C-alpha atoms as a PDB file:
ATOM      1  CA  MET A   1     -30.106  -9.506  22.364  1.00  0.00           C
ATOM      2  CA  PRO A   2     -26.721  -7.916  22.940  1.00  0.00           C
ATOM      3  CA  THR A   3     -26.298  -5.369  25.717  1.00  0.00           C
ATOM      4  CA  ALA A   4     -25.122  -1.718  25.072  1.00  0.00           C
ATOM      5  CA  ASP A   5     -21.563  -2.510  25.988  1.00  0.00           C
ATOM      6  CA  GLN A   6     -21.347  -5.101  23.455  1.00  0.00           C
ATOM      7  CA  LEU A   7     -22.567  -3.174  20.266  1.00  0.00           C
ATOM      8  CA  ALA A   8     -20.701  -0.907  17.900  1.00  0.00           C
ATOM      9  CA  VAL A   9     -21.072   0.319  14.225  1.00  0.00           C
ATOM     10  CA  GLY A  10     -18.349  -0.206  11.908  1.00  0.00           C
ATOM     11  CA  ILE A  11     -18.258   1.695   8.468  1.00  0.00           C
ATOM     12  CA  ASP A  12     -15.903   1.017   5.555  1.00  0.00           C
ATOM     13  CA  LEU A  13     -16.114   4.192   3.308  1.00  0.00           C
ATOM     14  CA  GLY A  14     -14.981   3.255  -0.073  1.00  0.00           C
ATOM     15  CA  GLY A  15     -14.733   4.966  -3.564  1.00  0.00           C
ATOM     16  CA  THR A  16     -17.895   3.085  -4.823  1.00  0.00           C
ATOM     17  CA  SER A  17     -19.598   1.676  -1.830  1.00  0.00           C
ATOM     18  CA  ILE A  18     -20.292   2.136   1.894  1.00  0.00           C
ATOM     19  CA  LYS A  19     -20.254  -1.038   3.870  1.00  0.00           C
ATOM     20  CA  ALA A  20     -21.667  -0.779   7.399  1.00  0.00           C
ATOM     21  CA  GLY A  21     -22.176  -3.411  10.223  1.00  0.00           C
ATOM     22  CA  LEU A  22     -23.662  -3.584  13.570  1.00  0.00           C
ATOM     23  CA  VAL A  23     -21.407  -5.683  15.514  1.00  0.00           C
ATOM     24  CA  THR A  24     -20.720  -7.324  19.091  1.00  0.00           C
ATOM     25  CA  ARG A  25     -17.650  -6.942  21.031  1.00  0.00           C
ATOM     26  CA  SER A  26     -16.865 -10.585  20.569  1.00  0.00           C
ATOM     27  CA  GLY A  27     -17.089 -10.121  16.708  1.00  0.00           C
ATOM     28  CA  GLY A  28     -20.423 -11.193  15.827  1.00  0.00           C
ATOM     29  CA  VAL A  29     -22.321  -9.347  12.976  1.00  0.00           C
ATOM     30  CA  VAL A  30     -25.980  -8.365  14.198  1.00  0.00           C
ATOM     31  CA  ARG A  31     -26.570  -6.813  10.746  1.00  0.00           C
ATOM     32  CA  ASP A  32     -24.696  -5.552   7.889  1.00  0.00           C
ATOM     33  CA  LEU A  33     -25.482  -3.609   4.591  1.00  0.00           C
ATOM     34  CA  SER A  34     -23.749  -1.938   1.531  1.00  0.00           C
ATOM     35  CA  LEU A  35     -24.877   1.247  -0.245  1.00  0.00           C
ATOM     36  CA  PRO A  36     -23.279   3.007  -3.230  1.00  0.00           C
ATOM     37  CA  THR A  37     -21.066   5.892  -2.061  1.00  0.00           C
ATOM     38  CA  GLU A  38     -22.124   8.059  -5.140  1.00  0.00           C
ATOM     39  CA  ALA A  39     -19.081  10.247  -4.501  1.00  0.00           C
ATOM     40  CA  GLU A  40     -19.675  12.020  -7.855  1.00  0.00           C
ATOM     41  CA  ARG A  41     -22.593  13.824  -6.459  1.00  0.00           C
ATOM     42  CA  GLY A  42     -20.312  15.465  -3.793  1.00  0.00           C
ATOM     43  CA  PRO A  43     -19.113  15.371  -0.224  1.00  0.00           C
ATOM     44  CA  ASP A  44     -22.459  16.458   1.547  1.00  0.00           C
ATOM     45  CA  HIS A  45     -24.231  13.458  -0.443  1.00  0.00           C
ATOM     46  CA  VAL A  46     -21.626  11.026   0.734  1.00  0.00           C
ATOM     47  CA  VAL A  47     -22.225  12.216   4.373  1.00  0.00           C
ATOM     48  CA  GLY A  48     -25.903  11.718   3.722  1.00  0.00           C
ATOM     49  CA  GLN A  49     -25.268   8.167   2.426  1.00  0.00           C
ATOM     50  CA  LEU A  50     -23.188   7.485   5.596  1.00  0.00           C
ATOM     51  CA  THR A  51     -26.160   8.741   7.690  1.00  0.00           C
ATOM     52  CA  ASN A  52     -28.516   6.581   5.634  1.00  0.00           C
ATOM     53  CA  ALA A  53     -26.478   3.596   6.300  1.00  0.00           C
ATOM     54  CA  VAL A  54     -26.419   4.043   9.966  1.00  0.00           C
ATOM     55  CA  GLU A  55     -30.134   4.469  10.159  1.00  0.00           C
ATOM     56  CA  LYS A  56     -30.793   1.433   8.303  1.00  0.00           C
ATOM     57  CA  LEU A  57     -28.657  -0.501  10.739  1.00  0.00           C
ATOM     58  CA  PHE A  58     -31.250   0.410  13.363  1.00  0.00           C
ATOM     59  CA  ASN A  59     -34.519  -0.676  11.566  1.00  0.00           C
ATOM     60  CA  GLY A  60     -35.821  -3.605  13.319  1.00  0.00           C
ATOM     61  CA  ASP A  61     -34.973  -5.820  16.342  1.00  0.00           C
ATOM     62  CA  GLY A  62     -35.669  -2.745  18.608  1.00  0.00           C
ATOM     63  CA  ILE A  63     -31.954  -1.705  18.639  1.00  0.00           C
ATOM     64  CA  GLY A  64     -31.495   1.821  19.251  1.00  0.00           C
ATOM     65  CA  ARG A  65     -28.632   4.404  19.090  1.00  0.00           C
ATOM     66  CA  ALA A  66     -28.497   4.502  22.900  1.00  0.00           C
ATOM     67  CA  GLN A  67     -27.517   0.736  22.942  1.00  0.00           C
ATOM     68  CA  VAL A  68     -24.388   1.310  20.756  1.00  0.00           C
ATOM     69  CA  LEU A  69     -21.003   2.083  22.388  1.00  0.00           C
ATOM     70  CA  GLY A  70     -19.347   3.583  19.372  1.00  0.00           C
ATOM     71  CA  VAL A  71     -18.815   4.082  15.880  1.00  0.00           C
ATOM     72  CA  GLY A  72     -15.753   3.477  13.828  1.00  0.00           C
ATOM     73  CA  ILE A  73     -15.140   4.677  10.177  1.00  0.00           C
ATOM     74  CA  GLY A  74     -12.407   3.349   7.982  1.00  0.00           C
ATOM     75  CA  SER A  75     -11.472   5.825   4.975  1.00  0.00           C
ATOM     76  CA  PRO A  76      -9.133   5.510   2.025  1.00  0.00           C
ATOM     77  CA  GLY A  77      -6.362   8.011   2.242  1.00  0.00           C
ATOM     78  CA  ALA A  78      -5.289  10.436   4.922  1.00  0.00           C
ATOM     79  CA  VAL A  79      -7.870  12.451   6.810  1.00  0.00           C
ATOM     80  CA  THR A  80      -7.009  15.774   8.648  1.00  0.00           C
ATOM     81  CA  LEU A  81      -8.201  16.759  11.998  1.00  0.00           C
ATOM     82  CA  ASP A  82     -10.663  19.395  10.513  1.00  0.00           C
ATOM     83  CA  GLY A  83     -12.367  16.733   8.685  1.00  0.00           C
ATOM     84  CA  GLY A  84     -10.805  17.151   5.384  1.00  0.00           C
ATOM     85  CA  SER A  85      -9.554  14.420   3.242  1.00  0.00           C
ATOM     86  CA  VAL A  86      -5.873  14.627   2.043  1.00  0.00           C
ATOM     87  CA  GLY A  87      -4.889  13.224  -1.285  1.00  0.00           C
END
């Protein structure tokens, strides 16, 4: 089992799907998944889907949030500092 300083969550927020992975510092994939973005249901729903994806990554193997160093999210388009998407 990787230690806390070796784990991170990576998220690819796309127009139709959210792809997420629990990964090691050396590039290994512990677990990955894909969920529909369902963007037509609004921004709050998309945030809920992001949360759902991360929670699913922690199901099983005894890995918890405290063992993860950080989370990175890639999103299409520009994002402002106040959290709004531009263009």
